[in-house]
mmCIF file of all heavy atoms, coordinates in Angstrom:
data_MODEL
# 
_entry.id   MODEL 
# 
loop_
_atom_site.group_PDB 
_atom_site.id 
_atom_site.type_symbol 
_atom_site.label_atom_id 
_atom_site.label_alt_id 
_atom_site.label_comp_id 
_atom_site.label_asym_id 
_atom_site.label_entity_id 
_atom_site.label_seq_id 
_atom_site.pdbx_PDB_ins_code 
_atom_site.Cartn_x 
_atom_site.Cartn_y 
_atom_site.Cartn_z 
_atom_site.occupancy 
_atom_site.B_iso_or_equiv 
_atom_site.pdbx_formal_charge 
_atom_site.auth_seq_id 
_atom_site.auth_comp_id 
_atom_site.auth_asym_id 
_atom_site.auth_atom_id 
_atom_site.pdbx_PDB_model_num 
ATOM 1   N N   . LEU A 1 1  ? 105.265 95.181  98.116  1.00 0.00 ? 1  LEU A N   1 
ATOM 2   C CA  . LEU A 1 1  ? 105.886 96.354  97.515  1.00 0.00 ? 1  LEU A CA  1 
ATOM 3   C C   . LEU A 1 1  ? 105.059 97.608  97.789  1.00 0.00 ? 1  LEU A C   1 
ATOM 4   O O   . LEU A 1 1  ? 105.595 98.677  98.083  1.00 0.00 ? 1  LEU A O   1 
ATOM 5   C CB  . LEU A 1 1  ? 106.065 96.151  96.008  1.00 0.00 ? 1  LEU A CB  1 
ATOM 6   C CG  . LEU A 1 1  ? 107.054 95.066  95.582  1.00 0.00 ? 1  LEU A CG  1 
ATOM 7   C CD1 . LEU A 1 1  ? 107.117 94.963  94.058  1.00 0.00 ? 1  LEU A CD1 1 
ATOM 8   C CD2 . LEU A 1 1  ? 108.449 95.342  96.136  1.00 0.00 ? 1  LEU A CD2 1 
ATOM 9   N N   . ALA A 1 2  ? 103.746 97.468  97.684  1.00 0.00 ? 2  ALA A N   1 
ATOM 10  C CA  . ALA A 1 2  ? 102.870 98.610  97.938  1.00 0.00 ? 2  ALA A CA  1 
ATOM 11  C C   . ALA A 1 2  ? 103.069 99.145  99.353  1.00 0.00 ? 2  ALA A C   1 
ATOM 12  O O   . ALA A 1 2  ? 103.155 100.367 99.564  1.00 0.00 ? 2  ALA A O   1 
ATOM 13  C CB  . ALA A 1 2  ? 101.414 98.211  97.716  1.00 0.00 ? 2  ALA A CB  1 
ATOM 14  N N   . TYR A 1 3  ? 103.167 98.265  100.329 1.00 0.00 ? 3  TYR A N   1 
ATOM 15  C CA  . TYR A 1 3  ? 103.302 98.706  101.721 1.00 0.00 ? 3  TYR A CA  1 
ATOM 16  C C   . TYR A 1 3  ? 104.666 99.332  101.978 1.00 0.00 ? 3  TYR A C   1 
ATOM 17  O O   . TYR A 1 3  ? 104.776 100.313 102.717 1.00 0.00 ? 3  TYR A O   1 
ATOM 18  C CB  . TYR A 1 3  ? 103.061 97.527  102.672 1.00 0.00 ? 3  TYR A CB  1 
ATOM 19  C CG  . TYR A 1 3  ? 101.677 96.926  102.531 1.00 0.00 ? 3  TYR A CG  1 
ATOM 20  C CD1 . TYR A 1 3  ? 101.435 95.584  102.814 1.00 0.00 ? 3  TYR A CD1 1 
ATOM 21  C CD2 . TYR A 1 3  ? 100.604 97.703  102.087 1.00 0.00 ? 3  TYR A CD2 1 
ATOM 22  C CE1 . TYR A 1 3  ? 100.163 95.035  102.672 1.00 0.00 ? 3  TYR A CE1 1 
ATOM 23  C CE2 . TYR A 1 3  ? 99.329  97.151  101.933 1.00 0.00 ? 3  TYR A CE2 1 
ATOM 24  C CZ  . TYR A 1 3  ? 99.128  95.822  102.220 1.00 0.00 ? 3  TYR A CZ  1 
ATOM 25  O OH  . TYR A 1 3  ? 97.865  95.276  102.069 1.00 0.00 ? 3  TYR A OH  1 
ATOM 26  N N   . LEU A 1 4  ? 105.695 98.793  101.371 1.00 0.00 ? 4  LEU A N   1 
ATOM 27  C CA  . LEU A 1 4  ? 107.026 99.384  101.529 1.00 0.00 ? 4  LEU A CA  1 
ATOM 28  C C   . LEU A 1 4  ? 107.089 100.785 100.927 1.00 0.00 ? 4  LEU A C   1 
ATOM 29  O O   . LEU A 1 4  ? 107.765 101.677 101.465 1.00 0.00 ? 4  LEU A O   1 
ATOM 30  C CB  . LEU A 1 4  ? 108.082 98.494  100.860 1.00 0.00 ? 4  LEU A CB  1 
ATOM 31  C CG  . LEU A 1 4  ? 108.488 97.232  101.617 1.00 0.00 ? 4  LEU A CG  1 
ATOM 32  C CD1 . LEU A 1 4  ? 109.353 96.341  100.726 1.00 0.00 ? 4  LEU A CD1 1 
ATOM 33  C CD2 . LEU A 1 4  ? 109.247 97.598  102.901 1.00 0.00 ? 4  LEU A CD2 1 
ATOM 34  N N   . TYR A 1 5  ? 106.382 100.982 99.831  1.00 0.00 ? 5  TYR A N   1 
ATOM 35  C CA  . TYR A 1 5  ? 106.443 102.269 99.137  1.00 0.00 ? 5  TYR A CA  1 
ATOM 36  C C   . TYR A 1 5  ? 105.293 103.213 99.501  1.00 0.00 ? 5  TYR A C   1 
ATOM 37  O O   . TYR A 1 5  ? 105.032 104.170 98.787  1.00 0.00 ? 5  TYR A O   1 
ATOM 38  C CB  . TYR A 1 5  ? 106.527 102.042 97.630  1.00 0.00 ? 5  TYR A CB  1 
ATOM 39  C CG  . TYR A 1 5  ? 107.901 101.529 97.225  1.00 0.00 ? 5  TYR A CG  1 
ATOM 40  C CD1 . TYR A 1 5  ? 108.117 100.172 96.981  1.00 0.00 ? 5  TYR A CD1 1 
ATOM 41  C CD2 . TYR A 1 5  ? 108.979 102.393 97.135  1.00 0.00 ? 5  TYR A CD2 1 
ATOM 42  C CE1 . TYR A 1 5  ? 109.378 99.696  96.654  1.00 0.00 ? 5  TYR A CE1 1 
ATOM 43  C CE2 . TYR A 1 5  ? 110.249 101.927 96.803  1.00 0.00 ? 5  TYR A CE2 1 
ATOM 44  C CZ  . TYR A 1 5  ? 110.440 100.580 96.564  1.00 0.00 ? 5  TYR A CZ  1 
ATOM 45  O OH  . TYR A 1 5  ? 111.696 100.119 96.249  1.00 0.00 ? 5  TYR A OH  1 
ATOM 46  N N   . GLY A 1 6  ? 104.621 102.928 100.627 1.00 0.00 ? 6  GLY A N   1 
ATOM 47  C CA  . GLY A 1 6  ? 103.754 103.935 101.210 1.00 0.00 ? 6  GLY A CA  1 
ATOM 48  C C   . GLY A 1 6  ? 102.261 103.740 101.155 1.00 0.00 ? 6  GLY A C   1 
ATOM 49  O O   . GLY A 1 6  ? 101.518 104.561 101.691 1.00 0.00 ? 6  GLY A O   1 
ATOM 50  N N   . PHE A 1 7  ? 101.780 102.678 100.528 1.00 0.00 ? 7  PHE A N   1 
ATOM 51  C CA  . PHE A 1 7  ? 100.333 102.471 100.440 1.00 0.00 ? 7  PHE A CA  1 
ATOM 52  C C   . PHE A 1 7  ? 99.779  101.904 101.747 1.00 0.00 ? 7  PHE A C   1 
ATOM 53  O O   . PHE A 1 7  ? 100.502 101.267 102.511 1.00 0.00 ? 7  PHE A O   1 
ATOM 54  C CB  . PHE A 1 7  ? 99.990  101.529 99.285  1.00 0.00 ? 7  PHE A CB  1 
ATOM 55  C CG  . PHE A 1 7  ? 100.177 102.159 97.930  1.00 0.00 ? 7  PHE A CG  1 
ATOM 56  C CD1 . PHE A 1 7  ? 101.430 102.187 97.330  1.00 0.00 ? 7  PHE A CD1 1 
ATOM 57  C CD2 . PHE A 1 7  ? 99.104  102.727 97.259  1.00 0.00 ? 7  PHE A CD2 1 
ATOM 58  C CE1 . PHE A 1 7  ? 101.616 102.768 96.079  1.00 0.00 ? 7  PHE A CE1 1 
ATOM 59  C CE2 . PHE A 1 7  ? 99.272  103.305 96.009  1.00 0.00 ? 7  PHE A CE2 1 
ATOM 60  C CZ  . PHE A 1 7  ? 100.535 103.338 95.418  1.00 0.00 ? 7  PHE A CZ  1 
ATOM 61  N N   . GLU A 1 8  ? 98.493  102.137 101.963 1.00 0.00 ? 8  GLU A N   1 
ATOM 62  C CA  . GLU A 1 8  ? 97.821  101.634 103.155 1.00 0.00 ? 8  GLU A CA  1 
ATOM 63  C C   . GLU A 1 8  ? 97.379  100.188 102.946 1.00 0.00 ? 8  GLU A C   1 
ATOM 64  O O   . GLU A 1 8  ? 97.468  99.648  101.844 1.00 0.00 ? 8  GLU A O   1 
ATOM 65  C CB  . GLU A 1 8  ? 96.612  102.525 103.468 1.00 0.00 ? 8  GLU A CB  1 
ATOM 66  C CG  . GLU A 1 8  ? 96.985  103.976 103.750 1.00 0.00 ? 8  GLU A CG  1 
ATOM 67  C CD  . GLU A 1 8  ? 95.768  104.844 103.985 1.00 0.00 ? 8  GLU A CD  1 
ATOM 68  O OE1 . GLU A 1 8  ? 94.674  104.300 104.201 1.00 0.00 ? 8  GLU A OE1 1 
ATOM 69  O OE2 . GLU A 1 8  ? 95.909  106.080 103.942 1.00 0.00 ? 8  GLU A OE2 1 
ATOM 70  N N   . GLN A 1 9  ? 96.884  99.590  104.031 1.00 0.00 ? 9  GLN A N   1 
ATOM 71  C CA  . GLN A 1 9  ? 96.408  98.201  103.987 1.00 0.00 ? 9  GLN A CA  1 
ATOM 72  C C   . GLN A 1 9  ? 95.282  98.040  102.972 1.00 0.00 ? 9  GLN A C   1 
ATOM 73  O O   . GLN A 1 9  ? 94.334  98.824  102.954 1.00 0.00 ? 9  GLN A O   1 
ATOM 74  C CB  . GLN A 1 9  ? 95.897  97.786  105.365 1.00 0.00 ? 9  GLN A CB  1 
ATOM 75  C CG  . GLN A 1 9  ? 95.318  96.382  105.439 1.00 0.00 ? 9  GLN A CG  1 
ATOM 76  C CD  . GLN A 1 9  ? 96.388  95.304  105.490 1.00 0.00 ? 9  GLN A CD  1 
ATOM 77  O OE1 . GLN A 1 9  ? 97.325  95.370  106.267 1.00 0.00 ? 9  GLN A OE1 1 
ATOM 78  N NE2 . GLN A 1 9  ? 96.248  94.285  104.642 1.00 0.00 ? 9  GLN A NE2 1 
ATOM 79  N N   . PHE A 1 10 ? 95.409  97.036  102.112 1.00 0.00 ? 10 PHE A N   1 
ATOM 80  C CA  . PHE A 1 10 ? 94.341  96.721  101.167 1.00 0.00 ? 10 PHE A CA  1 
ATOM 81  C C   . PHE A 1 10 ? 93.403  95.694  101.794 1.00 0.00 ? 10 PHE A C   1 
ATOM 82  O O   . PHE A 1 10 ? 93.828  94.819  102.536 1.00 0.00 ? 10 PHE A O   1 
ATOM 83  C CB  . PHE A 1 10 ? 94.914  96.184  99.859  1.00 0.00 ? 10 PHE A CB  1 
ATOM 84  C CG  . PHE A 1 10 ? 95.540  97.244  99.009  1.00 0.00 ? 10 PHE A CG  1 
ATOM 85  C CD1 . PHE A 1 10 ? 96.915  97.456  99.021  1.00 0.00 ? 10 PHE A CD1 1 
ATOM 86  C CD2 . PHE A 1 10 ? 94.756  98.056  98.206  1.00 0.00 ? 10 PHE A CD2 1 
ATOM 87  C CE1 . PHE A 1 10 ? 97.492  98.446  98.240  1.00 0.00 ? 10 PHE A CE1 1 
ATOM 88  C CE2 . PHE A 1 10 ? 95.320  99.052  97.418  1.00 0.00 ? 10 PHE A CE2 1 
ATOM 89  C CZ  . PHE A 1 10 ? 96.692  99.255  97.437  1.00 0.00 ? 10 PHE A CZ  1 
ATOM 90  N N   . ASP A 1 11 ? 92.129  95.833  101.483 1.00 0.00 ? 11 ASP A N   1 
ATOM 91  C CA  . ASP A 1 11 ? 91.109  94.959  102.074 1.00 0.00 ? 11 ASP A CA  1 
ATOM 92  C C   . ASP A 1 11 ? 91.039  93.631  101.325 1.00 0.00 ? 11 ASP A C   1 
ATOM 93  O O   . ASP A 1 11 ? 90.040  93.304  100.674 1.00 0.00 ? 11 ASP A O   1 
ATOM 94  C CB  . ASP A 1 11 ? 89.741  95.650  102.055 1.00 0.00 ? 11 ASP A CB  1 
ATOM 95  C CG  . ASP A 1 11 ? 89.761  96.947  102.832 1.00 0.00 ? 11 ASP A CG  1 
ATOM 96  O OD1 . ASP A 1 11 ? 90.443  96.992  103.872 1.00 0.00 ? 11 ASP A OD1 1 
ATOM 97  O OD2 . ASP A 1 11 ? 89.108  97.913  102.402 1.00 0.00 ? 11 ASP A OD2 1 
ATOM 98  N N   . LEU A 1 12 ? 92.109  92.877  101.429 1.00 0.00 ? 12 LEU A N   1 
ATOM 99  C CA  . LEU A 1 12 ? 92.173  91.578  100.759 1.00 0.00 ? 12 LEU A CA  1 
ATOM 100 C C   . LEU A 1 12 ? 91.745  90.499  101.738 1.00 0.00 ? 12 LEU A C   1 
ATOM 101 O O   . LEU A 1 12 ? 92.252  90.426  102.851 1.00 0.00 ? 12 LEU A O   1 
ATOM 102 C CB  . LEU A 1 12 ? 93.601  91.315  100.279 1.00 0.00 ? 12 LEU A CB  1 
ATOM 103 C CG  . LEU A 1 12 ? 93.772  90.549  98.979  1.00 0.00 ? 12 LEU A CG  1 
ATOM 104 C CD1 . LEU A 1 12 ? 93.222  91.358  97.818  1.00 0.00 ? 12 LEU A CD1 1 
ATOM 105 C CD2 . LEU A 1 12 ? 95.251  90.255  98.726  1.00 0.00 ? 12 LEU A CD2 1 
ATOM 106 N N   . SER A 1 13 ? 90.798  89.692  101.335 1.00 0.00 ? 13 SER A N   1 
ATOM 107 C CA  . SER A 1 13 ? 90.292  88.626  102.201 1.00 0.00 ? 13 SER A CA  1 
ATOM 108 C C   . SER A 1 13 ? 90.231  87.327  101.419 1.00 0.00 ? 13 SER A C   1 
ATOM 109 O O   . SER A 1 13 ? 89.901  87.324  100.232 1.00 0.00 ? 13 SER A O   1 
ATOM 110 C CB  . SER A 1 13 ? 88.890  88.971  102.728 1.00 0.00 ? 13 SER A CB  1 
ATOM 111 O OG  . SER A 1 13 ? 88.309  87.863  103.362 1.00 0.00 ? 13 SER A OG  1 
ATOM 112 N N   . GLU A 1 14 ? 90.568  86.237  102.091 1.00 0.00 ? 14 GLU A N   1 
ATOM 113 C CA  . GLU A 1 14 ? 90.521  84.931  101.429 1.00 0.00 ? 14 GLU A CA  1 
ATOM 114 C C   . GLU A 1 14 ? 89.081  84.478  101.195 1.00 0.00 ? 14 GLU A C   1 
ATOM 115 O O   . GLU A 1 14 ? 88.828  83.608  100.379 1.00 0.00 ? 14 GLU A O   1 
ATOM 116 C CB  . GLU A 1 14 ? 91.271  83.895  102.280 1.00 0.00 ? 14 GLU A CB  1 
ATOM 117 C CG  . GLU A 1 14 ? 92.774  84.157  102.349 1.00 0.00 ? 14 GLU A CG  1 
ATOM 118 C CD  . GLU A 1 14 ? 93.474  83.245  103.338 1.00 0.00 ? 14 GLU A CD  1 
ATOM 119 O OE1 . GLU A 1 14 ? 92.826  82.320  103.845 1.00 0.00 ? 14 GLU A OE1 1 
ATOM 120 O OE2 . GLU A 1 14 ? 94.665  83.464  103.608 1.00 0.00 ? 14 GLU A OE2 1 
ATOM 121 N N   . ASP A 1 15 ? 88.140  85.076  101.921 1.00 0.00 ? 15 ASP A N   1 
ATOM 122 C CA  . ASP A 1 15 ? 86.743  84.689  101.786 1.00 0.00 ? 15 ASP A CA  1 
ATOM 123 C C   . ASP A 1 15 ? 86.004  85.530  100.748 1.00 0.00 ? 15 ASP A C   1 
ATOM 124 O O   . ASP A 1 15 ? 85.201  85.033  99.970  1.00 0.00 ? 15 ASP A O   1 
ATOM 125 C CB  . ASP A 1 15 ? 86.023  84.809  103.136 1.00 0.00 ? 15 ASP A CB  1 
ATOM 126 C CG  . ASP A 1 15 ? 86.630  83.879  104.184 1.00 0.00 ? 15 ASP A CG  1 
ATOM 127 O OD1 . ASP A 1 15 ? 86.972  82.745  103.820 1.00 0.00 ? 15 ASP A OD1 1 
ATOM 128 O OD2 . ASP A 1 15 ? 86.779  84.323  105.330 1.00 0.00 ? 15 ASP A OD2 1 
ATOM 129 N N   . ASP A 1 16 ? 86.301  86.832  100.731 1.00 0.00 ? 16 ASP A N   1 
ATOM 130 C CA  . ASP A 1 16 ? 85.569  87.712  99.822  1.00 0.00 ? 16 ASP A CA  1 
ATOM 131 C C   . ASP A 1 16 ? 86.421  88.937  99.518  1.00 0.00 ? 16 ASP A C   1 
ATOM 132 O O   . ASP A 1 16 ? 87.044  89.500  100.413 1.00 0.00 ? 16 ASP A O   1 
ATOM 133 C CB  . ASP A 1 16 ? 84.241  88.142  100.451 1.00 0.00 ? 16 ASP A CB  1 
ATOM 134 C CG  . ASP A 1 16 ? 83.408  88.982  99.498  1.00 0.00 ? 16 ASP A CG  1 
ATOM 135 O OD1 . ASP A 1 16 ? 83.376  88.647  98.301  1.00 0.00 ? 16 ASP A OD1 1 
ATOM 136 O OD2 . ASP A 1 16 ? 82.815  89.974  99.951  1.00 0.00 ? 16 ASP A OD2 1 
ATOM 137 N N   . VAL A 1 17 ? 86.467  89.334  98.265  1.00 0.00 ? 17 VAL A N   1 
ATOM 138 C CA  . VAL A 1 17 ? 87.230  90.510  97.853  1.00 0.00 ? 17 VAL A CA  1 
ATOM 139 C C   . VAL A 1 17 ? 86.290  91.440  97.112  1.00 0.00 ? 17 VAL A C   1 
ATOM 140 O O   . VAL A 1 17 ? 85.668  91.046  96.129  1.00 0.00 ? 17 VAL A O   1 
ATOM 141 C CB  . VAL A 1 17 ? 88.415  90.127  96.929  1.00 0.00 ? 17 VAL A CB  1 
ATOM 142 C CG1 . VAL A 1 17 ? 89.184  91.373  96.515  1.00 0.00 ? 17 VAL A CG1 1 
ATOM 143 C CG2 . VAL A 1 17 ? 89.338  89.139  97.630  1.00 0.00 ? 17 VAL A CG2 1 
ATOM 144 N N   . ASP A 1 18 ? 86.170  92.679  97.605  1.00 0.00 ? 18 ASP A N   1 
ATOM 145 C CA  . ASP A 1 18 ? 85.263  93.599  96.931  1.00 0.00 ? 18 ASP A CA  1 
ATOM 146 C C   . ASP A 1 18 ? 85.845  94.042  95.594  1.00 0.00 ? 18 ASP A C   1 
ATOM 147 O O   . ASP A 1 18 ? 87.063  93.973  95.378  1.00 0.00 ? 18 ASP A O   1 
ATOM 148 C CB  . ASP A 1 18 ? 84.951  94.813  97.819  1.00 0.00 ? 18 ASP A CB  1 
ATOM 149 C CG  . ASP A 1 18 ? 86.191  95.614  98.163  1.00 0.00 ? 18 ASP A CG  1 
ATOM 150 O OD1 . ASP A 1 18 ? 86.727  96.294  97.269  1.00 0.00 ? 18 ASP A OD1 1 
ATOM 151 O OD2 . ASP A 1 18 ? 86.629  95.569  99.327  1.00 0.00 ? 18 ASP A OD2 1 
ATOM 152 N N   . SER A 1 19 ? 84.985  94.501  94.707  1.00 0.00 ? 19 SER A N   1 
ATOM 153 C CA  . SER A 1 19 ? 85.402  94.847  93.353  1.00 0.00 ? 19 SER A CA  1 
ATOM 154 C C   . SER A 1 19 ? 86.407  95.986  93.346  1.00 0.00 ? 19 SER A C   1 
ATOM 155 O O   . SER A 1 19 ? 87.303  96.039  92.488  1.00 0.00 ? 19 SER A O   1 
ATOM 156 C CB  . SER A 1 19 ? 84.182  95.229  92.508  1.00 0.00 ? 19 SER A CB  1 
ATOM 157 O OG  . SER A 1 19 ? 83.493  96.325  93.071  1.00 0.00 ? 19 SER A OG  1 
ATOM 158 N N   . GLU A 1 20 ? 86.302  96.898  94.300  1.00 0.00 ? 20 GLU A N   1 
ATOM 159 C CA  . GLU A 1 20 ? 87.227  98.029  94.358  1.00 0.00 ? 20 GLU A CA  1 
ATOM 160 C C   . GLU A 1 20 ? 88.650  97.561  94.632  1.00 0.00 ? 20 GLU A C   1 
ATOM 161 O O   . GLU A 1 20 ? 89.604  97.988  93.970  1.00 0.00 ? 20 GLU A O   1 
ATOM 162 C CB  . GLU A 1 20 ? 86.769  98.999  95.449  1.00 0.00 ? 20 GLU A CB  1 
ATOM 163 C CG  . GLU A 1 20 ? 87.501  100.338 95.419  1.00 0.00 ? 20 GLU A CG  1 
ATOM 164 C CD  . GLU A 1 20 ? 86.892  101.313 96.423  1.00 0.00 ? 20 GLU A CD  1 
ATOM 165 O OE1 . GLU A 1 20 ? 87.083  101.097 97.640  1.00 0.00 ? 20 GLU A OE1 1 
ATOM 166 O OE2 . GLU A 1 20 ? 86.218  102.266 95.998  1.00 0.00 ? 20 GLU A OE2 1 
ATOM 167 N N   . THR A 1 21 ? 88.794  96.673  95.620  1.00 0.00 ? 21 THR A N   1 
ATOM 168 C CA  . THR A 1 21 ? 90.110  96.128  95.935  1.00 0.00 ? 21 THR A CA  1 
ATOM 169 C C   . THR A 1 21 ? 90.657  95.334  94.759  1.00 0.00 ? 21 THR A C   1 
ATOM 170 O O   . THR A 1 21 ? 91.841  95.432  94.418  1.00 0.00 ? 21 THR A O   1 
ATOM 171 C CB  . THR A 1 21 ? 90.042  95.227  97.181  1.00 0.00 ? 21 THR A CB  1 
ATOM 172 O OG1 . THR A 1 21 ? 89.595  96.006  98.293  1.00 0.00 ? 21 THR A OG1 1 
ATOM 173 C CG2 . THR A 1 21 ? 91.397  94.629  97.507  1.00 0.00 ? 21 THR A CG2 1 
ATOM 174 N N   . MET A 1 22 ? 89.791  94.544  94.124  1.00 0.00 ? 22 MET A N   1 
ATOM 175 C CA  . MET A 1 22 ? 90.201  93.769  92.961  1.00 0.00 ? 22 MET A CA  1 
ATOM 176 C C   . MET A 1 22 ? 90.717  94.686  91.852  1.00 0.00 ? 22 MET A C   1 
ATOM 177 O O   . MET A 1 22 ? 91.758  94.413  91.228  1.00 0.00 ? 22 MET A O   1 
ATOM 178 C CB  . MET A 1 22 ? 89.023  92.952  92.438  1.00 0.00 ? 22 MET A CB  1 
ATOM 179 C CG  . MET A 1 22 ? 89.343  92.118  91.208  1.00 0.00 ? 22 MET A CG  1 
ATOM 180 S SD  . MET A 1 22 ? 90.379  90.712  91.581  1.00 0.00 ? 22 MET A SD  1 
ATOM 181 C CE  . MET A 1 22 ? 89.143  89.555  92.166  1.00 0.00 ? 22 MET A CE  1 
ATOM 182 N N   . ASN A 1 23 ? 90.033  95.801  91.633  1.00 0.00 ? 23 ASN A N   1 
ATOM 183 C CA  . ASN A 1 23 ? 90.459  96.733  90.592  1.00 0.00 ? 23 ASN A CA  1 
ATOM 184 C C   . ASN A 1 23 ? 91.845  97.304  90.873  1.00 0.00 ? 23 ASN A C   1 
ATOM 185 O O   . ASN A 1 23 ? 92.664  97.463  89.961  1.00 0.00 ? 23 ASN A O   1 
ATOM 186 C CB  . ASN A 1 23 ? 89.448  97.871  90.454  1.00 0.00 ? 23 ASN A CB  1 
ATOM 187 C CG  . ASN A 1 23 ? 88.169  97.435  89.770  1.00 0.00 ? 23 ASN A CG  1 
ATOM 188 O OD1 . ASN A 1 23 ? 88.142  96.417  89.088  1.00 0.00 ? 23 ASN A OD1 1 
ATOM 189 N ND2 . ASN A 1 23 ? 87.105  98.189  89.950  1.00 0.00 ? 23 ASN A ND2 1 
ATOM 190 N N   . TYR A 1 24 ? 92.107  97.617  92.140  1.00 0.00 ? 24 TYR A N   1 
ATOM 191 C CA  . TYR A 1 24 ? 93.420  98.172  92.467  1.00 0.00 ? 24 TYR A CA  1 
ATOM 192 C C   . TYR A 1 24 ? 94.518  97.127  92.386  1.00 0.00 ? 24 TYR A C   1 
ATOM 193 O O   . TYR A 1 24 ? 95.652  97.444  91.995  1.00 0.00 ? 24 TYR A O   1 
ATOM 194 C CB  . TYR A 1 24 ? 93.380  98.883  93.829  1.00 0.00 ? 24 TYR A CB  1 
ATOM 195 C CG  . TYR A 1 24 ? 92.756  100.245 93.684  1.00 0.00 ? 24 TYR A CG  1 
ATOM 196 C CD1 . TYR A 1 24 ? 91.406  100.448 93.931  1.00 0.00 ? 24 TYR A CD1 1 
ATOM 197 C CD2 . TYR A 1 24 ? 93.492  101.312 93.193  1.00 0.00 ? 24 TYR A CD2 1 
ATOM 198 C CE1 . TYR A 1 24 ? 90.814  101.691 93.729  1.00 0.00 ? 24 TYR A CE1 1 
ATOM 199 C CE2 . TYR A 1 24 ? 92.910  102.549 92.984  1.00 0.00 ? 24 TYR A CE2 1 
ATOM 200 C CZ  . TYR A 1 24 ? 91.574  102.734 93.259  1.00 0.00 ? 24 TYR A CZ  1 
ATOM 201 O OH  . TYR A 1 24 ? 90.986  103.953 93.039  1.00 0.00 ? 24 TYR A OH  1 
ATOM 202 N N   . MET A 1 25 ? 94.206  95.891  92.717  1.00 0.00 ? 25 MET A N   1 
ATOM 203 C CA  . MET A 1 25 ? 95.188  94.829  92.526  1.00 0.00 ? 25 MET A CA  1 
ATOM 204 C C   . MET A 1 25 ? 95.512  94.681  91.033  1.00 0.00 ? 25 MET A C   1 
ATOM 205 O O   . MET A 1 25 ? 96.664  94.511  90.640  1.00 0.00 ? 25 MET A O   1 
ATOM 206 C CB  . MET A 1 25 ? 94.655  93.502  93.082  1.00 0.00 ? 25 MET A CB  1 
ATOM 207 C CG  . MET A 1 25 ? 94.585  93.410  94.601  1.00 0.00 ? 25 MET A CG  1 
ATOM 208 S SD  . MET A 1 25 ? 96.201  93.516  95.410  1.00 0.00 ? 25 MET A SD  1 
ATOM 209 C CE  . MET A 1 25 ? 96.172  95.222  95.987  1.00 0.00 ? 25 MET A CE  1 
ATOM 210 N N   . LEU A 1 26 ? 94.479  94.768  90.207  1.00 0.00 ? 26 LEU A N   1 
ATOM 211 C CA  . LEU A 1 26 ? 94.676  94.679  88.751  1.00 0.00 ? 26 LEU A CA  1 
ATOM 212 C C   . LEU A 1 26 ? 95.497  95.861  88.241  1.00 0.00 ? 26 LEU A C   1 
ATOM 213 O O   . LEU A 1 26 ? 96.289  95.717  87.306  1.00 0.00 ? 26 LEU A O   1 
ATOM 214 C CB  . LEU A 1 26 ? 93.321  94.633  88.049  1.00 0.00 ? 26 LEU A CB  1 
ATOM 215 C CG  . LEU A 1 26 ? 92.591  93.292  88.098  1.00 0.00 ? 26 LEU A CG  1 
ATOM 216 C CD1 . LEU A 1 26 ? 91.147  93.440  87.614  1.00 0.00 ? 26 LEU A CD1 1 
ATOM 217 C CD2 . LEU A 1 26 ? 93.309  92.242  87.264  1.00 0.00 ? 26 LEU A CD2 1 
ATOM 218 N N   . LEU A 1 27 ? 95.319  97.019  88.852  1.00 0.00 ? 27 LEU A N   1 
ATOM 219 C CA  . LEU A 1 27 ? 96.080  98.197  88.440  1.00 0.00 ? 27 LEU A CA  1 
ATOM 220 C C   . LEU A 1 27 ? 97.570  97.982  88.707  1.00 0.00 ? 27 LEU A C   1 
ATOM 221 O O   . LEU A 1 27 ? 98.417  98.261  87.842  1.00 0.00 ? 27 LEU A O   1 
ATOM 222 C CB  . LEU A 1 27 ? 95.578  99.423  89.211  1.00 0.00 ? 27 LEU A CB  1 
ATOM 223 C CG  . LEU A 1 27 ? 95.917  100.800 88.629  1.00 0.00 ? 27 LEU A CG  1 
ATOM 224 C CD1 . LEU A 1 27 ? 95.385  100.934 87.213  1.00 0.00 ? 27 LEU A CD1 1 
ATOM 225 C CD2 . LEU A 1 27 ? 95.328  101.893 89.532  1.00 0.00 ? 27 LEU A CD2 1 
# 
């Protein structure tokens, strides 16, 4: 949904997810 509505690629990784990306997913 985020990509369809204009957001850029999120740095989601199956090995490691930084806290910033995690916070935005939670948002």
